[in-house]
Amino acid sequence: MIVIDSSLWIEFFLGSQYGELIRVNSLFQTNSFIVPTIIIREVHKKLTEYYNEELANDYCSYFKIGKVVNLDFKLSVFSSKISKQYKLPLADSIIYATTLQNKATLYTMDKHFEELPDVIYYKKVTSNTN
């Protein structure tokens, strides 16, 4: 099982070269991906900034193919422990706790996760044009 972080989903839906990591690695072609509900929120919010709400809804409906994981009591408490242990912000702790709880691997471009176990981190390279 895998979790694709918001950072990669956003890049994917925007059609960036980094979003191609999902396509190239066939991550999106399987129903064995897990989607924490917080990712749906983060991706939807960002897509409405770039596109419109209708298109954001259409893109986010893709998440239903995977296993959508709601934030319940047990996951909330585990997320709190993960947040403290790894010094992660709220959303990131929920995403990482969901990954660990489901014995999955997290694919991300978010630096908060870079050195954590069960994470495949892709560094976003920005070009300086001075």
C-alpha atoms as a PDB file:
ATOM      1  CA  MET A   1       0.000   0.000   0.000  1.00  0.00           C
ATOM      2  CA  ILE A   2       1.094   3.538  -0.658  1.00  0.00           C
ATOM      3  CA  VAL A   3       0.102   7.050   0.362  1.00  0.00           C
ATOM      4  CA  ILE A   4       0.724   9.834  -2.124  1.00  0.00           C
ATOM      5  CA  ASP A   5       1.129  13.119  -0.278  1.00  0.00           C
ATOM      6  CA  SER A   6      -0.750  16.280  -1.218  1.00  0.00           C
ATOM      7  CA  SER A   7       2.445  17.790  -2.604  1.00  0.00           C
ATOM      8  CA  LEU A   8       2.692  15.155  -5.337  1.00  0.00           C
ATOM      9  CA  TRP A   9      -1.046  15.050  -6.070  1.00  0.00           C
ATOM     10  CA  ILE A  10      -1.092  18.801  -6.596  1.00  0.00           C
ATOM     11  CA  GLU A  11       1.881  18.588  -8.955  1.00  0.00           C
ATOM     12  CA  PHE A  12       0.138  15.740 -10.777  1.00  0.00           C
ATOM     13  CA  PHE A  13      -3.148  17.594 -11.249  1.00  0.00           C
ATOM     14  CA  LEU A  14      -1.289  20.738 -12.339  1.00  0.00           C
ATOM     15  CA  GLY A  15       0.562  18.689 -14.951  1.00  0.00           C
ATOM     16  CA  SER A  16       4.064  19.549 -13.727  1.00  0.00           C
ATOM     17  CA  GLN A  17       7.215  17.539 -14.341  1.00  0.00           C
ATOM     18  CA  TYR A  18       7.069  16.475 -10.695  1.00  0.00           C
ATOM     19  CA  GLY A  19       3.530  15.256 -11.115  1.00  0.00           C
ATOM     20  CA  GLU A  20       4.858  12.933 -13.784  1.00  0.00           C
ATOM     21  CA  LEU A  21       6.574  10.998 -10.982  1.00  0.00           C
ATOM     22  CA  ILE A  22       3.148   9.602 -10.165  1.00  0.00           C
ATOM     23  CA  ARG A  23       2.448   8.610 -13.747  1.00  0.00           C
ATOM     24  CA  VAL A  24       5.954   7.286 -14.511  1.00  0.00           C
ATOM     25  CA  ASN A  25       5.968   5.132 -11.392  1.00  0.00           C
ATOM     26  CA  SER A  26       2.394   3.964 -12.104  1.00  0.00           C
ATOM     27  CA  LEU A  27       1.398   5.029  -8.616  1.00  0.00           C
ATOM     28  CA  PHE A  28      -1.968   6.333  -9.729  1.00  0.00           C
ATOM     29  CA  GLN A  29      -2.822   3.250 -11.795  1.00  0.00           C
ATOM     30  CA  THR A  30      -3.551   1.063  -8.827  1.00  0.00           C
ATOM     31  CA  ASN A  31      -6.338   0.963  -6.307  1.00  0.00           C
ATOM     32  CA  SER A  32      -3.814   0.055  -3.621  1.00  0.00           C
ATOM     33  CA  PHE A  33      -3.277   3.665  -2.622  1.00  0.00           C
ATOM     34  CA  ILE A  34      -4.551   5.151   0.606  1.00  0.00           C
ATOM     35  CA  VAL A  35      -6.004   8.641   0.828  1.00  0.00           C
ATOM     36  CA  PRO A  36      -6.182  10.306   4.235  1.00  0.00           C
ATOM     37  CA  THR A  37      -9.146  12.698   4.154  1.00  0.00           C
ATOM     38  CA  ILE A  38      -6.832  15.591   5.073  1.00  0.00           C
ATOM     39  CA  ILE A  39      -5.132  15.109   1.680  1.00  0.00           C
ATOM     40  CA  ILE A  40      -8.466  15.546  -0.089  1.00  0.00           C
ATOM     41  CA  ARG A  41      -8.934  18.825   1.779  1.00  0.00           C
ATOM     42  CA  GLU A  42      -5.433  20.100   1.003  1.00  0.00           C
ATOM     43  CA  VAL A  43      -5.564  19.151  -2.670  1.00  0.00           C
ATOM     44  CA  HIS A  44      -9.081  20.509  -3.175  1.00  0.00           C
ATOM     45  CA  LYS A  45      -8.156  23.840  -1.598  1.00  0.00           C
ATOM     46  CA  LYS A  46      -5.074  24.254  -3.781  1.00  0.00           C
ATOM     47  CA  LEU A  47      -6.848  23.190  -6.973  1.00  0.00           C
ATOM     48  CA  THR A  48      -9.635  25.731  -6.424  1.00  0.00           C
ATOM     49  CA  GLU A  49      -6.900  28.388  -6.317  1.00  0.00           C
ATOM     50  CA  TYR A  50      -5.540  27.271  -9.706  1.00  0.00           C
ATOM     51  CA  TYR A  51      -8.731  26.181 -11.432  1.00  0.00           C
ATOM     52  CA  ASN A  52     -12.348  26.370 -10.289  1.00  0.00           C
ATOM     53  CA  GLU A  53     -14.391  24.434  -7.771  1.00  0.00           C
ATOM     54  CA  GLU A  54     -16.057  22.209 -10.362  1.00  0.00           C
ATOM     55  CA  LEU A  55     -12.730  21.066 -11.799  1.00  0.00           C
ATOM     56  CA  ALA A  56     -11.283  20.633  -8.294  1.00  0.00           C
ATOM     57  CA  ASN A  57     -14.279  18.420  -7.443  1.00  0.00           C
ATOM     58  CA  ASP A  58     -13.738  16.376 -10.602  1.00  0.00           C
ATOM     59  CA  TYR A  59     -10.049  15.864  -9.880  1.00  0.00           C
ATOM     60  CA  CYS A  60     -10.649  15.014  -6.227  1.00  0.00           C
ATOM     61  CA  SER A  61     -13.301  12.438  -7.126  1.00  0.00           C
ATOM     62  CA  TYR A  62     -10.389  10.343  -8.392  1.00  0.00           C
ATOM     63  CA  PHE A  63      -9.428   9.706  -4.768  1.00  0.00           C
ATOM     64  CA  LYS A  64     -12.479   7.447  -4.390  1.00  0.00           C
ATOM     65  CA  ILE A  65     -10.606   4.799  -6.406  1.00  0.00           C
ATOM     66  CA  GLY A  66      -8.216   4.380  -3.495  1.00  0.00           C
ATOM     67  CA  LYS A  67      -8.958   3.556   0.107  1.00  0.00           C
ATOM     68  CA  VAL A  68     -10.157   6.763   1.769  1.00  0.00           C
ATOM     69  CA  VAL A  69      -9.199   6.801   5.457  1.00  0.00           C
ATOM     70  CA  ASN A  70     -11.188   8.994   7.803  1.00  0.00           C
ATOM     71  CA  LEU A  71      -9.703  10.618  10.869  1.00  0.00           C
ATOM     72  CA  ASP A  72     -11.212   8.660  13.732  1.00  0.00           C
ATOM     73  CA  PHE A  73     -10.422   8.595  17.459  1.00  0.00           C
ATOM     74  CA  LYS A  74      -7.650   5.991  17.255  1.00  0.00           C
ATOM     75  CA  LEU A  75      -5.917   7.726  14.336  1.00  0.00           C
ATOM     76  CA  SER A  76      -6.255  11.116  16.051  1.00  0.00           C
ATOM     77  CA  VAL A  77      -4.472   9.877  19.171  1.00  0.00           C
ATOM     78  CA  PHE A  78      -1.790   8.131  17.096  1.00  0.00           C
ATOM     79  CA  SER A  79      -1.347  11.303  15.036  1.00  0.00           C
ATOM     80  CA  SER A  80      -0.802  13.286  18.226  1.00  0.00           C
ATOM     81  CA  LYS A  81       1.969  10.900  19.272  1.00  0.00           C
ATOM     82  CA  ILE A  82       3.520  11.035  15.792  1.00  0.00           C
ATOM     83  CA  SER A  83       3.386  14.828  15.813  1.00  0.00           C
ATOM     84  CA  LYS A  84       5.276  14.982  19.082  1.00  0.00           C
ATOM     85  CA  GLN A  85       7.774  12.267  18.157  1.00  0.00           C
ATOM     86  CA  TYR A  86       8.700  13.670  14.734  1.00  0.00           C
ATOM     87  CA  LYS A  87       7.814  17.333  15.317  1.00  0.00           C
ATOM     88  CA  LEU A  88       5.316  17.346  12.468  1.00  0.00           C
ATOM     89  CA  PRO A  89       2.574  19.928  11.878  1.00  0.00           C
ATOM     90  CA  LEU A  90      -1.052  18.825  12.226  1.00  0.00           C
ATOM     91  CA  ALA A  91      -1.830  17.777   8.642  1.00  0.00           C
ATOM     92  CA  ASP A  92       1.544  16.095   8.160  1.00  0.00           C
ATOM     93  CA  SER A  93       1.179  14.136  11.392  1.00  0.00           C
ATOM     94  CA  ILE A  94      -2.219  12.834  10.248  1.00  0.00           C
ATOM     95  CA  ILE A  95      -0.804  11.839   6.860  1.00  0.00           C
ATOM     96  CA  TYR A  96       2.208  10.108   8.388  1.00  0.00           C
ATOM     97  CA  ALA A  97       0.175   8.397  11.107  1.00  0.00           C
ATOM     98  CA  THR A  98      -2.202   7.086   8.423  1.00  0.00           C
ATOM     99  CA  THR A  99       0.794   5.802   6.467  1.00  0.00           C
ATOM    100  CA  LEU A 100       2.228   3.971   9.467  1.00  0.00           C
ATOM    101  CA  GLN A 101      -1.117   2.658  10.702  1.00  0.00           C
ATOM    102  CA  ASN A 102      -1.701   1.052   7.293  1.00  0.00           C
ATOM    103  CA  LYS A 103       1.871  -0.252   6.926  1.00  0.00           C
ATOM    104  CA  ALA A 104       2.226   1.810   3.775  1.00  0.00           C
ATOM    105  CA  THR A 105       4.933   3.866   2.103  1.00  0.00           C
ATOM    106  CA  LEU A 106       4.527   7.630   1.763  1.00  0.00           C
ATOM    107  CA  TYR A 107       5.555   9.327  -1.495  1.00  0.00           C
ATOM    108  CA  THR A 108       6.116  13.044  -0.994  1.00  0.00           C
ATOM    109  CA  MET A 109       7.888  16.245  -1.913  1.00  0.00           C
ATOM    110  CA  ASP A 110       7.354  17.712   1.557  1.00  0.00           C
ATOM    111  CA  LYS A 111      10.672  18.272   3.342  1.00  0.00           C
ATOM    112  CA  HIS A 112       9.064  17.554   6.741  1.00  0.00           C
ATOM    113  CA  PHE A 113       9.087  13.873   5.783  1.00  0.00           C
ATOM    114  CA  GLU A 114      12.528  13.678   4.171  1.00  0.00           C
ATOM    115  CA  GLU A 115      14.363  11.546   6.751  1.00  0.00           C
ATOM    116  CA  LEU A 116      11.452   9.527   8.139  1.00  0.00           C
ATOM    117  CA  PRO A 117      11.073   5.756   7.793  1.00  0.00           C
ATOM    118  CA  ASP A 118       8.690   4.400   5.145  1.00  0.00           C
ATOM    119  CA  VAL A 119       9.003   7.590   3.078  1.00  0.00           C
ATOM    120  CA  ILE A 120      10.140   8.106  -0.488  1.00  0.00           C
ATOM    121  CA  TYR A 121      11.066  11.756  -0.754  1.00  0.00           C
ATOM    122  CA  TYR A 122      11.464  13.667  -4.010  1.00  0.00           C
ATOM    123  CA  LYS A 123      13.320  16.947  -3.744  1.00  0.00           C
ATOM    124  CA  LYS A 124      11.833  19.759  -5.800  1.00  0.00           C
ATOM    125  CA  VAL A 125      14.580  21.571  -7.637  1.00  0.00           C
ATOM    126  CA  THR A 126      13.951  25.201  -8.418  1.00  0.00           C
ATOM    127  CA  SER A 127      15.945  27.037 -11.004  1.00  0.00           C
ATOM    128  CA  ASN A 128      17.469  30.402 -10.222  1.00  0.00           C
ATOM    129  CA  THR A 129      17.325  32.738 -13.165  1.00  0.00           C
ATOM    130  CA  ASN A 130      19.331  35.738 -12.067  1.00  0.00           C
END
